[in-house]
Protein backbone atom coordinates (compact mmCIF):
# COMPACT_ATOMS: atom_id res chain seq x y z
CA GLY A 1 117.15 87.79 176.19
CA LEU A 2 113.56 88.88 176.40
CA LYS A 3 112.74 87.73 172.87
CA GLU A 4 113.88 84.16 173.52
CA VAL A 5 112.13 83.96 176.91
CA VAL A 6 108.85 85.29 175.47
CA GLN A 7 109.07 82.90 172.50
CA GLY A 8 109.67 79.96 174.82
CA LEU A 9 106.65 80.95 176.89
CA GLU A 10 104.41 81.53 173.86
CA ARG A 11 105.31 78.17 172.31
CA GLY A 12 104.77 76.33 175.59
CA GLU A 13 108.40 75.20 175.65
CA ALA A 14 109.50 76.91 178.88
CA GLN A 15 109.28 74.82 182.05
CA LEU A 16 110.95 77.38 184.32
CA VAL A 17 111.85 81.04 184.00
CA LEU A 18 114.58 82.65 186.09
CA LEU A 19 114.15 86.40 186.54
CA ALA A 20 116.74 88.77 188.03
CA GLU A 21 115.44 90.86 190.92
CA ASP A 22 117.75 93.73 190.00
CA CYS A 23 116.27 94.11 186.51
CA ASP A 24 115.53 97.82 186.23
CA GLU A 25 113.03 97.53 183.36
CA THR A 26 109.63 97.44 185.09
CA LYS A 27 107.73 96.63 181.87
CA TYR A 28 110.10 93.73 181.20
CA VAL A 29 109.52 92.28 184.67
CA GLU A 30 105.74 92.74 184.41
CA LEU A 31 105.63 91.03 181.00
CA VAL A 32 107.64 88.00 182.13
CA GLU A 33 105.65 87.65 185.37
CA ALA A 34 102.32 87.94 183.54
CA MET A 35 103.28 85.44 180.84
CA CYS A 36 104.50 82.92 183.42
CA ALA A 37 101.23 83.26 185.33
CA GLU A 38 99.16 82.98 182.14
CA LYS A 39 101.03 79.94 180.84
CA GLY A 40 101.38 78.23 184.23
CA VAL A 41 105.18 78.25 184.12
CA TYR A 42 107.33 78.19 187.24
CA LEU A 43 108.99 81.55 187.99
CA LEU A 44 112.03 81.77 190.22
CA LYS A 45 113.68 85.07 191.08
CA VAL A 46 117.43 85.35 191.53
CA PRO A 47 119.13 88.31 193.22
CA GLU A 48 121.42 89.59 190.46
CA LYS A 49 121.40 89.61 186.66
CA ALA A 50 125.21 89.34 186.65
CA ALA A 51 125.03 86.04 188.55
CA LEU A 52 122.16 84.83 186.34
CA GLY A 53 124.28 85.48 183.24
CA GLU A 54 127.11 83.43 184.71
CA MET A 55 124.73 80.60 185.68
CA ALA A 56 123.41 80.61 182.11
CA GLY A 57 126.92 80.24 180.73
CA GLN A 58 127.22 83.71 179.22
CA VAL A 59 130.91 83.89 180.03
CA ARG A 60 134.34 83.83 178.44
CA LEU A 61 136.89 81.70 180.19
CA ASP A 62 140.65 82.09 180.35
CA ASP A 63 143.09 79.24 179.72
CA ASP A 64 142.72 78.08 183.32
CA GLY A 65 138.94 77.85 183.04
CA LYS A 66 138.29 80.90 185.19
CA VAL A 67 135.74 83.53 184.20
CA LYS A 68 137.48 86.25 182.23
CA LYS A 69 134.39 88.17 181.15
CA SER A 70 130.71 87.66 181.83
CA ARG A 71 127.48 89.07 180.48
CA ALA A 72 124.42 89.82 182.59
CA ALA A 73 121.02 88.26 181.87
CA SER A 74 117.72 89.66 183.14
CA SER A 75 115.88 86.41 182.46
CA VAL A 76 116.47 82.87 181.30
CA ALA A 77 113.97 80.23 180.19
CA ILE A 78 114.67 76.57 180.94
CA LYS A 79 113.06 74.43 178.25
CA ASN A 80 114.08 70.98 179.44
CA PHE A 81 114.89 69.95 183.00
CA GLY A 82 116.69 66.85 181.76
CA GLU A 83 116.63 63.57 183.59
CA GLN A 84 114.96 63.17 186.97
CA SER A 85 117.54 63.63 189.71
CA GLU A 86 117.81 64.45 193.38
CA GLY A 87 118.82 68.01 192.45
CA LEU A 88 115.79 68.47 190.20
CA ALA A 89 113.45 67.12 192.88
CA PHE A 90 114.97 69.58 195.37
CA LEU A 91 114.53 72.49 192.92
CA LEU A 92 110.89 71.67 192.15
CA ASN A 93 110.10 71.26 195.85
CA TYR A 94 111.75 74.62 196.59
CA ILE A 95 109.72 76.36 193.89
CA LYS A 96 106.46 74.83 195.12
CA GLU A 97 107.20 75.89 198.72
CA LYS A 98 107.89 79.49 197.63
CA GLY A 99 104.52 79.61 195.91
CA ASP A 100 105.81 81.30 192.72
CA GLY A 101 104.55 80.11 189.37
CA LYS A 102 102.09 77.41 188.47
CA GLU A 103 99.79 75.61 190.80
CA GLU A 104 99.82 71.81 190.94
């Protein structure tokens, strides 16, 4: 939630913030965007908070491993990208091309 994203930004732990475009709380969006700009953290917008919640693992699965229930998320902070990989290189290149977030 907002508290965890803001804490991650304040502590300098967040490397990337994902923000849902359909978040209807204008103040929330403005705060996250401003903090990312201030801290030089990449910001990537995703279309829907329902999909963002699923991507973040906020789901309950049935016995077959299919999503039974999911919870929306307006924002998510990524604190550690993990090991260097082709996928990570693609993601970072995509973010830089879009021009959102920190400058290199």
